[in-house]
Amino acid sequence: MSSQSRTPARSGTWPRARKGKATTMRPAETMSPAQEAAGAAVHRRPGRPRSEQAERAIIDAALSLFAESGPDGLCMEQVAARAGVGKATIYRRWPGKEDLLLDALAALKTPLPEPRGRSVREDLVAVLDAMCRDTADPRRARQFALLQGEGAKYPRLMARFIDTVVEPRREVVRSVLRRGVATGELREDTDIEAALYLLRGAALASTGHQEPVPDDYARRAVDALLRGLSAH
């Protein structure tokens, strides 16, 4: 009876002893340096900076697929395969196809120069020159034409593109023209929106010709516009 009475006590204490041993066998000193480094890397991963090279590859892949087959043909699997990255890398930055496409299309636009504020003419020449570079790139022209053609199918994408890409660029031009009116460089009755679209038309007109656009095209176009808007 004595041996039987000791058995339950022993069997009841072993699980607690093992459980206690499991919790006491996890100090940092039991881990190898390689294990510690791997654990630290896991904890750092959510905050690590994204690779600019991978992001550029994803944007380029998205633009290429968009040019080939339009928005309908763009899927994350194909973008990942062409960019040489995993889908998780894409989804960490862009939650959906439309978000990726919006950033990709924004990347097509040459950043407009910051107006210096010394001369309306000087600022308009710099802005128009950047706009002409946008329209002169055949790849960009093809993609923008495709976006315009497919835009009716994607009203949310088009609205976001206009709000986040097109309108801020237009506002740069408007700010230069408004400043010109305020400083007296332009007439008080200057039609800001009409002048904006005339500049845009000048940029579009610079394409589609077999002969190269003259280096002074932007200056000449702005001078022609200012002859009608100048206050003097």
C-alpha atoms as a PDB file:
ATOM      1  CA  MET A   1       0.000   0.000   0.000  1.00  0.00           C
ATOM      2  CA  SER A   2       2.884   2.291   0.755  1.00  0.00           C
ATOM      3  CA  SER A   3       4.375   1.857  -2.717  1.00  0.00           C
ATOM      4  CA  GLN A   4       0.970   2.423  -4.314  1.00  0.00           C
ATOM      5  CA  SER A   5       0.400   5.534  -2.222  1.00  0.00           C
ATOM      6  CA  ARG A   6       3.697   6.999  -3.370  1.00  0.00           C
ATOM      7  CA  THR A   7       3.005   6.416  -7.057  1.00  0.00           C
ATOM      8  CA  PRO A   8       0.160   8.960  -7.461  1.00  0.00           C
ATOM      9  CA  ALA A   9       2.168  11.586  -5.666  1.00  0.00           C
ATOM     10  CA  ARG A  10       5.149  11.026  -7.969  1.00  0.00           C
ATOM     11  CA  SER A  11       2.988  10.993 -11.110  1.00  0.00           C
ATOM     12  CA  GLY A  12       1.285  14.171  -9.967  1.00  0.00           C
ATOM     13  CA  THR A  13       4.566  16.001  -9.388  1.00  0.00           C
ATOM     14  CA  TRP A  14       6.362  15.103 -12.638  1.00  0.00           C
ATOM     15  CA  PRO A  15       4.158  17.179 -14.981  1.00  0.00           C
ATOM     16  CA  ARG A  16       4.638  20.224 -12.766  1.00  0.00           C
ATOM     17  CA  ALA A  17       8.358  19.661 -12.645  1.00  0.00           C
ATOM     18  CA  ARG A  18       8.530  19.366 -16.441  1.00  0.00           C
ATOM     19  CA  LYS A  19       6.400  22.449 -16.903  1.00  0.00           C
ATOM     20  CA  GLY A  20       8.611  24.381 -14.572  1.00  0.00           C
ATOM     21  CA  LYS A  21      11.713  23.120 -16.303  1.00  0.00           C
ATOM     22  CA  ALA A  22      10.321  24.165 -19.711  1.00  0.00           C
ATOM     23  CA  THR A  23       9.820  27.716 -18.490  1.00  0.00           C
ATOM     24  CA  THR A  24      13.229  27.890 -16.860  1.00  0.00           C
ATOM     25  CA  MET A  25      15.140  26.519 -19.864  1.00  0.00           C
ATOM     26  CA  ARG A  26      14.444  29.576 -22.075  1.00  0.00           C
ATOM     27  CA  PRO A  27      16.947  32.174 -20.896  1.00  0.00           C
ATOM     28  CA  ALA A  28      18.797  34.133 -23.583  1.00  0.00           C
ATOM     29  CA  GLU A  29      22.025  32.354 -22.761  1.00  0.00           C
ATOM     30  CA  THR A  30      20.582  29.072 -24.089  1.00  0.00           C
ATOM     31  CA  MET A  31      20.223  30.581 -27.597  1.00  0.00           C
ATOM     32  CA  SER A  32      23.059  30.567 -30.069  1.00  0.00           C
ATOM     33  CA  PRO A  33      24.242  33.894 -31.557  1.00  0.00           C
ATOM     34  CA  ALA A  34      22.677  32.928 -34.886  1.00  0.00           C
ATOM     35  CA  GLN A  35      19.317  32.289 -33.205  1.00  0.00           C
ATOM     36  CA  GLU A  36      19.471  35.637 -31.410  1.00  0.00           C
ATOM     37  CA  ALA A  37      20.232  37.435 -34.668  1.00  0.00           C
ATOM     38  CA  ALA A  38      17.365  35.686 -36.441  1.00  0.00           C
ATOM     39  CA  GLY A  39      14.977  36.602 -33.649  1.00  0.00           C
ATOM     40  CA  ALA A  40      16.064  40.237 -33.755  1.00  0.00           C
ATOM     41  CA  ALA A  41      15.572  40.328 -37.531  1.00  0.00           C
ATOM     42  CA  VAL A  42      12.015  39.036 -37.145  1.00  0.00           C
ATOM     43  CA  HIS A  43      11.216  41.774 -34.646  1.00  0.00           C
ATOM     44  CA  ARG A  44      12.736  44.471 -36.873  1.00  0.00           C
ATOM     45  CA  ARG A  45      11.031  43.355 -40.076  1.00  0.00           C
ATOM     46  CA  PRO A  46       7.777  45.372 -39.841  1.00  0.00           C
ATOM     47  CA  GLY A  47       9.693  48.623 -39.489  1.00  0.00           C
ATOM     48  CA  ARG A  48      12.473  48.090 -41.980  1.00  0.00           C
ATOM     49  CA  PRO A  49      12.681  50.559 -44.871  1.00  0.00           C
ATOM     50  CA  ARG A  50      11.377  49.426 -48.224  1.00  0.00           C
ATOM     51  CA  SER A  51      13.880  48.761 -50.965  1.00  0.00           C
ATOM     52  CA  GLU A  52      13.798  51.593 -53.488  1.00  0.00           C
ATOM     53  CA  GLN A  53      15.099  49.210 -56.135  1.00  0.00           C
ATOM     54  CA  ALA A  54      12.225  46.782 -55.544  1.00  0.00           C
ATOM     55  CA  GLU A  55       9.691  49.613 -55.565  1.00  0.00           C
ATOM     56  CA  ARG A  56      11.054  50.926 -58.851  1.00  0.00           C
ATOM     57  CA  ALA A  57      10.909  47.427 -60.350  1.00  0.00           C
ATOM     58  CA  ILE A  58       7.280  47.045 -59.242  1.00  0.00           C
ATOM     59  CA  ILE A  59       6.302  50.420 -60.719  1.00  0.00           C
ATOM     60  CA  ASP A  60       8.042  49.618 -64.019  1.00  0.00           C
ATOM     61  CA  ALA A  61       6.382  46.203 -64.186  1.00  0.00           C
ATOM     62  CA  ALA A  62       2.950  47.695 -63.508  1.00  0.00           C
ATOM     63  CA  LEU A  63       3.426  50.319 -66.230  1.00  0.00           C
ATOM     64  CA  SER A  64       4.593  47.735 -68.752  1.00  0.00           C
ATOM     65  CA  LEU A  65       1.622  45.460 -68.105  1.00  0.00           C
ATOM     66  CA  PHE A  66      -0.732  48.434 -68.199  1.00  0.00           C
ATOM     67  CA  ALA A  67       0.664  49.480 -71.574  1.00  0.00           C
ATOM     68  CA  GLU A  68       0.274  45.957 -72.922  1.00  0.00           C
ATOM     69  CA  SER A  69      -3.243  45.157 -71.809  1.00  0.00           C
ATOM     70  CA  GLY A  70      -4.783  48.107 -69.973  1.00  0.00           C
ATOM     71  CA  PRO A  71      -6.154  48.111 -66.416  1.00  0.00           C
ATOM     72  CA  ASP A  72      -8.081  44.861 -66.933  1.00  0.00           C
ATOM     73  CA  GLY A  73      -4.923  42.957 -67.764  1.00  0.00           C
ATOM     74  CA  LEU A  74      -3.033  44.165 -64.720  1.00  0.00           C
ATOM     75  CA  CYS A  75      -2.887  41.656 -61.871  1.00  0.00           C
ATOM     76  CA  MET A  76      -0.642  41.479 -58.833  1.00  0.00           C
ATOM     77  CA  GLU A  77       0.669  38.002 -59.705  1.00  0.00           C
ATOM     78  CA  GLN A  78       1.972  39.175 -63.070  1.00  0.00           C
ATOM     79  CA  VAL A  79       3.435  42.341 -61.578  1.00  0.00           C
ATOM     80  CA  ALA A  80       5.262  40.316 -58.932  1.00  0.00           C
ATOM     81  CA  ALA A  81       6.616  37.859 -61.503  1.00  0.00           C
ATOM     82  CA  ARG A  82       7.834  40.590 -63.847  1.00  0.00           C
ATOM     83  CA  ALA A  83       9.352  42.650 -61.044  1.00  0.00           C
ATOM     84  CA  GLY A  84      11.052  39.609 -59.510  1.00  0.00           C
ATOM     85  CA  VAL A  85       9.474  40.097 -56.077  1.00  0.00           C
ATOM     86  CA  GLY A  86       6.953  38.291 -53.928  1.00  0.00           C
ATOM     87  CA  LYS A  87       3.328  39.391 -53.784  1.00  0.00           C
ATOM     88  CA  ALA A  88       3.762  40.182 -50.098  1.00  0.00           C
ATOM     89  CA  THR A  89       6.305  42.841 -51.047  1.00  0.00           C
ATOM     90  CA  ILE A  90       3.698  44.523 -53.249  1.00  0.00           C
ATOM     91  CA  TYR A  91       0.859  44.287 -50.740  1.00  0.00           C
ATOM     92  CA  ARG A  92       2.989  45.855 -48.004  1.00  0.00           C
ATOM     93  CA  ARG A  93       2.995  49.032 -50.071  1.00  0.00           C
ATOM     94  CA  TRP A  94      -0.201  48.875 -52.134  1.00  0.00           C
ATOM     95  CA  PRO A  95      -3.381  47.301 -50.735  1.00  0.00           C
ATOM     96  CA  GLY A  96      -4.922  46.856 -54.190  1.00  0.00           C
ATOM     97  CA  LYS A  97      -4.413  47.048 -57.940  1.00  0.00           C
ATOM     98  CA  GLU A  98      -5.938  50.501 -58.233  1.00  0.00           C
ATOM     99  CA  ASP A  99      -3.590  51.942 -55.616  1.00  0.00           C
ATOM    100  CA  LEU A 100      -0.575  50.491 -57.415  1.00  0.00           C
ATOM    101  CA  LEU A 101      -1.758  51.734 -60.784  1.00  0.00           C
ATOM    102  CA  LEU A 102      -2.364  55.228 -59.416  1.00  0.00           C
ATOM    103  CA  ASP A 103       1.202  55.498 -58.099  1.00  0.00           C
ATOM    104  CA  ALA A 104       2.559  54.007 -61.317  1.00  0.00           C
ATOM    105  CA  LEU A 105       0.744  56.569 -63.460  1.00  0.00           C
ATOM    106  CA  ALA A 106       1.875  59.364 -61.146  1.00  0.00           C
ATOM    107  CA  ALA A 107       5.461  58.242 -61.723  1.00  0.00           C
ATOM    108  CA  LEU A 108       5.024  58.965 -65.429  1.00  0.00           C
ATOM    109  CA  LYS A 109       4.755  62.675 -64.736  1.00  0.00           C
ATOM    110  CA  THR A 110       7.923  64.749 -64.668  1.00  0.00           C
ATOM    111  CA  PRO A 111       7.907  66.748 -61.424  1.00  0.00           C
ATOM    112  CA  LEU A 112       7.178  70.376 -62.187  1.00  0.00           C
ATOM    113  CA  PRO A 113       9.911  72.770 -61.084  1.00  0.00           C
ATOM    114  CA  GLU A 114       9.243  74.858 -58.017  1.00  0.00           C
ATOM    115  CA  PRO A 115       8.399  78.393 -59.153  1.00  0.00           C
ATOM    116  CA  ARG A 116      11.193  80.752 -58.139  1.00  0.00           C
ATOM    117  CA  GLY A 117       8.920  83.762 -57.941  1.00  0.00           C
ATOM    118  CA  ARG A 118      11.263  86.205 -59.625  1.00  0.00           C
ATOM    119  CA  SER A 119       9.566  86.309 -63.014  1.00  0.00           C
ATOM    120  CA  VAL A 120       6.278  84.943 -64.326  1.00  0.00           C
ATOM    121  CA  ARG A 121       7.819  84.433 -67.732  1.00  0.00           C
ATOM    122  CA  GLU A 122      10.774  82.505 -66.306  1.00  0.00           C
ATOM    123  CA  ASP A 123       8.526  80.257 -64.220  1.00  0.00           C
ATOM    124  CA  LEU A 124       6.119  79.556 -67.093  1.00  0.00           C
ATOM    125  CA  VAL A 125       8.985  78.634 -69.432  1.00  0.00           C
ATOM    126  CA  ALA A 126      10.358  76.157 -66.855  1.00  0.00           C
ATOM    127  CA  VAL A 127       6.913  74.629 -66.256  1.00  0.00           C
ATOM    128  CA  LEU A 128       6.067  74.326 -69.950  1.00  0.00           C
ATOM    129  CA  ASP A 129       9.448  72.761 -70.674  1.00  0.00           C
ATOM    130  CA  ALA A 130       8.705  70.030 -68.096  1.00  0.00           C
ATOM    131  CA  MET A 131       5.239  69.486 -69.573  1.00  0.00           C
ATOM    132  CA  CYS A 132       6.748  69.115 -73.048  1.00  0.00           C
ATOM    133  CA  ARG A 133       9.131  66.440 -71.770  1.00  0.00           C
ATOM    134  CA  ASP A 134       6.142  64.476 -70.498  1.00  0.00           C
ATOM    135  CA  THR A 135       4.364  64.505 -73.854  1.00  0.00           C
ATOM    136  CA  ALA A 136       7.529  63.859 -75.861  1.00  0.00           C
ATOM    137  CA  ASP A 137       8.068  60.386 -74.356  1.00  0.00           C
ATOM    138  CA  PRO A 138       6.279  57.886 -76.663  1.00  0.00           C
ATOM    139  CA  ARG A 139       5.846  55.358 -73.862  1.00  0.00           C
ATOM    140  CA  ARG A 140       4.222  57.925 -71.615  1.00  0.00           C
ATOM    141  CA  ALA A 141       2.030  59.211 -74.426  1.00  0.00           C
ATOM    142  CA  ARG A 142       0.824  55.665 -75.142  1.00  0.00           C
ATOM    143  CA  GLN A 143       0.001  55.011 -71.503  1.00  0.00           C
ATOM    144  CA  PHE A 144      -1.823  58.290 -71.025  1.00  0.00           C
ATOM    145  CA  ALA A 145      -3.816  57.705 -74.192  1.00  0.00           C
ATOM    146  CA  LEU A 146      -4.723  54.260 -72.903  1.00  0.00           C
ATOM    147  CA  LEU A 147      -5.766  55.719 -69.566  1.00  0.00           C
ATOM    148  CA  GLN A 148      -7.976  58.265 -71.274  1.00  0.00           C
ATOM    149  CA  GLY A 149      -9.556  55.603 -73.455  1.00  0.00           C
ATOM    150  CA  GLU A 150     -10.197  53.224 -70.559  1.00  0.00           C
ATOM    151  CA  GLY A 151     -11.023  55.936 -68.051  1.00  0.00           C
ATOM    152  CA  ALA A 152     -14.796  55.589 -68.402  1.00  0.00           C
ATOM    153  CA  LYS A 153     -14.539  52.017 -67.071  1.00  0.00           C
ATOM    154  CA  TYR A 154     -12.627  53.182 -64.008  1.00  0.00           C
ATOM    155  CA  PRO A 155     -14.235  56.410 -62.779  1.00  0.00           C
ATOM    156  CA  ARG A 156     -12.798  56.049 -59.274  1.00  0.00           C
ATOM    157  CA  LEU A 157      -9.281  55.599 -60.646  1.00  0.00           C
ATOM    158  CA  MET A 158      -9.674  58.564 -62.988  1.00  0.00           C
ATOM    159  CA  ALA A 159     -11.058  60.752 -60.212  1.00  0.00           C
ATOM    160  CA  ARG A 160      -8.166  59.864 -57.925  1.00  0.00           C
ATOM    161  CA  PHE A 161      -5.656  60.409 -60.730  1.00  0.00           C
ATOM    162  CA  ILE A 162      -7.050  63.875 -61.434  1.00  0.00           C
ATOM    163  CA  ASP A 163      -7.194  64.805 -57.745  1.00  0.00           C
ATOM    164  CA  THR A 164      -3.769  63.526 -56.738  1.00  0.00           C
ATOM    165  CA  VAL A 165      -1.700  63.974 -59.909  1.00  0.00           C
ATOM    166  CA  VAL A 166      -3.298  66.321 -62.432  1.00  0.00           C
ATOM    167  CA  GLU A 167      -4.800  69.000 -60.196  1.00  0.00           C
ATOM    168  CA  PRO A 168      -1.675  69.666 -58.106  1.00  0.00           C
ATOM    169  CA  ARG A 169       0.270  70.242 -61.331  1.00  0.00           C
ATOM    170  CA  ARG A 170      -2.422  72.544 -62.659  1.00  0.00           C
ATOM    171  CA  GLU A 171      -2.362  74.457 -59.407  1.00  0.00           C
ATOM    172  CA  VAL A 172       1.353  75.123 -59.852  1.00  0.00           C
ATOM    173  CA  VAL A 173       0.582  76.880 -63.140  1.00  0.00           C
ATOM    174  CA  ARG A 174      -2.392  78.714 -61.660  1.00  0.00           C
ATOM    175  CA  SER A 175      -0.270  79.999 -58.783  1.00  0.00           C
ATOM    176  CA  VAL A 176       2.265  81.466 -61.225  1.00  0.00           C
ATOM    177  CA  LEU A 177      -0.466  83.150 -63.255  1.00  0.00           C
ATOM    178  CA  ARG A 178      -2.228  84.509 -60.169  1.00  0.00           C
ATOM    179  CA  ARG A 179       1.038  85.900 -58.888  1.00  0.00           C
ATOM    180  CA  GLY A 180       1.578  87.593 -62.221  1.00  0.00           C
ATOM    181  CA  VAL A 181      -1.786  89.319 -61.905  1.00  0.00           C
ATOM    182  CA  ALA A 182      -0.992  90.365 -58.327  1.00  0.00           C
ATOM    183  CA  THR A 183       2.407  91.805 -59.250  1.00  0.00           C
ATOM    184  CA  GLY A 184       1.083  93.589 -62.316  1.00  0.00           C
ATOM    185  CA  GLU A 185       3.049  91.469 -64.781  1.00  0.00           C
ATOM    186  CA  LEU A 186      -0.225  90.190 -66.242  1.00  0.00           C
ATOM    187  CA  ARG A 187      -3.451  91.994 -66.947  1.00  0.00           C
ATOM    188  CA  GLU A 188      -6.028  92.141 -64.200  1.00  0.00           C
ATOM    189  CA  ASP A 189      -8.625  90.485 -66.412  1.00  0.00           C
ATOM    190  CA  THR A 190      -6.395  87.508 -67.250  1.00  0.00           C
ATOM    191  CA  ASP A 191      -8.435  84.323 -67.638  1.00  0.00           C
ATOM    192  CA  ILE A 192      -6.395  81.943 -65.477  1.00  0.00           C
ATOM    193  CA  GLU A 193      -8.102  78.747 -66.661  1.00  0.00           C
ATOM    194  CA  ALA A 194      -7.906  79.709 -70.347  1.00  0.00           C
ATOM    195  CA  ALA A 195      -4.201  80.495 -69.994  1.00  0.00           C
ATOM    196  CA  LEU A 196      -3.678  77.179 -68.226  1.00  0.00           C
ATOM    197  CA  TYR A 197      -5.260  75.230 -71.076  1.00  0.00           C
ATOM    198  CA  LEU A 198      -3.377  77.221 -73.691  1.00  0.00           C
ATOM    199  CA  LEU A 199      -0.125  76.150 -72.040  1.00  0.00           C
ATOM    200  CA  ARG A 200      -1.321  72.562 -71.897  1.00  0.00           C
ATOM    201  CA  GLY A 201      -2.267  72.771 -75.564  1.00  0.00           C
ATOM    202  CA  ALA A 202       1.196  74.070 -76.379  1.00  0.00           C
ATOM    203  CA  ALA A 203       2.719  71.038 -74.662  1.00  0.00           C
ATOM    204  CA  LEU A 204       0.459  68.625 -76.571  1.00  0.00           C
ATOM    205  CA  ALA A 205       1.148  70.417 -79.854  1.00  0.00           C
ATOM    206  CA  SER A 206       4.862  69.830 -79.417  1.00  0.00           C
ATOM    207  CA  THR A 207       4.373  66.106 -80.135  1.00  0.00           C
ATOM    208  CA  GLY A 208       3.373  64.236 -83.269  1.00  0.00           C
ATOM    209  CA  HIS A 209       5.910  65.896 -85.532  1.00  0.00           C
ATOM    210  CA  GLN A 210       8.690  64.106 -87.333  1.00  0.00           C
ATOM    211  CA  GLU A 211      11.104  66.992 -86.917  1.00  0.00           C
ATOM    212  CA  PRO A 212      12.547  67.523 -83.421  1.00  0.00           C
ATOM    213  CA  VAL A 213      11.056  70.222 -81.238  1.00  0.00           C
ATOM    214  CA  PRO A 214      13.355  73.270 -81.070  1.00  0.00           C
ATOM    215  CA  ASP A 215      15.185  73.751 -77.803  1.00  0.00           C
ATOM    216  CA  ASP A 216      13.617  77.188 -77.411  1.00  0.00           C
ATOM    217  CA  TYR A 217      10.066  75.972 -78.064  1.00  0.00           C
ATOM    218  CA  ALA A 218       8.843  76.553 -74.484  1.00  0.00           C
ATOM    219  CA  ARG A 219      10.249  80.074 -74.427  1.00  0.00           C
ATOM    220  CA  ARG A 220       8.672  80.964 -77.766  1.00  0.00           C
ATOM    221  CA  ALA A 221       5.280  79.541 -76.771  1.00  0.00           C
ATOM    222  CA  VAL A 222       5.280  81.426 -73.467  1.00  0.00           C
ATOM    223  CA  ASP A 223       6.320  84.653 -75.166  1.00  0.00           C
ATOM    224  CA  ALA A 224       3.454  84.282 -77.649  1.00  0.00           C
ATOM    225  CA  LEU A 225       1.013  83.744 -74.785  1.00  0.00           C
ATOM    226  CA  LEU A 226       2.333  86.661 -72.757  1.00  0.00           C
ATOM    227  CA  ARG A 227       1.953  89.046 -75.675  1.00  0.00           C
ATOM    228  CA  GLY A 228      -1.774  88.697 -75.133  1.00  0.00           C
ATOM    229  CA  LEU A 229      -1.655  88.648 -71.331  1.00  0.00           C
ATOM    230  CA  SER A 230       1.056  91.142 -70.530  1.00  0.00           C
ATOM    231  CA  ALA A 231      -0.035  94.269 -68.682  1.00  0.00           C
ATOM    232  CA  HIS A 232       2.467  96.378 -70.639  1.00  0.00           C
END
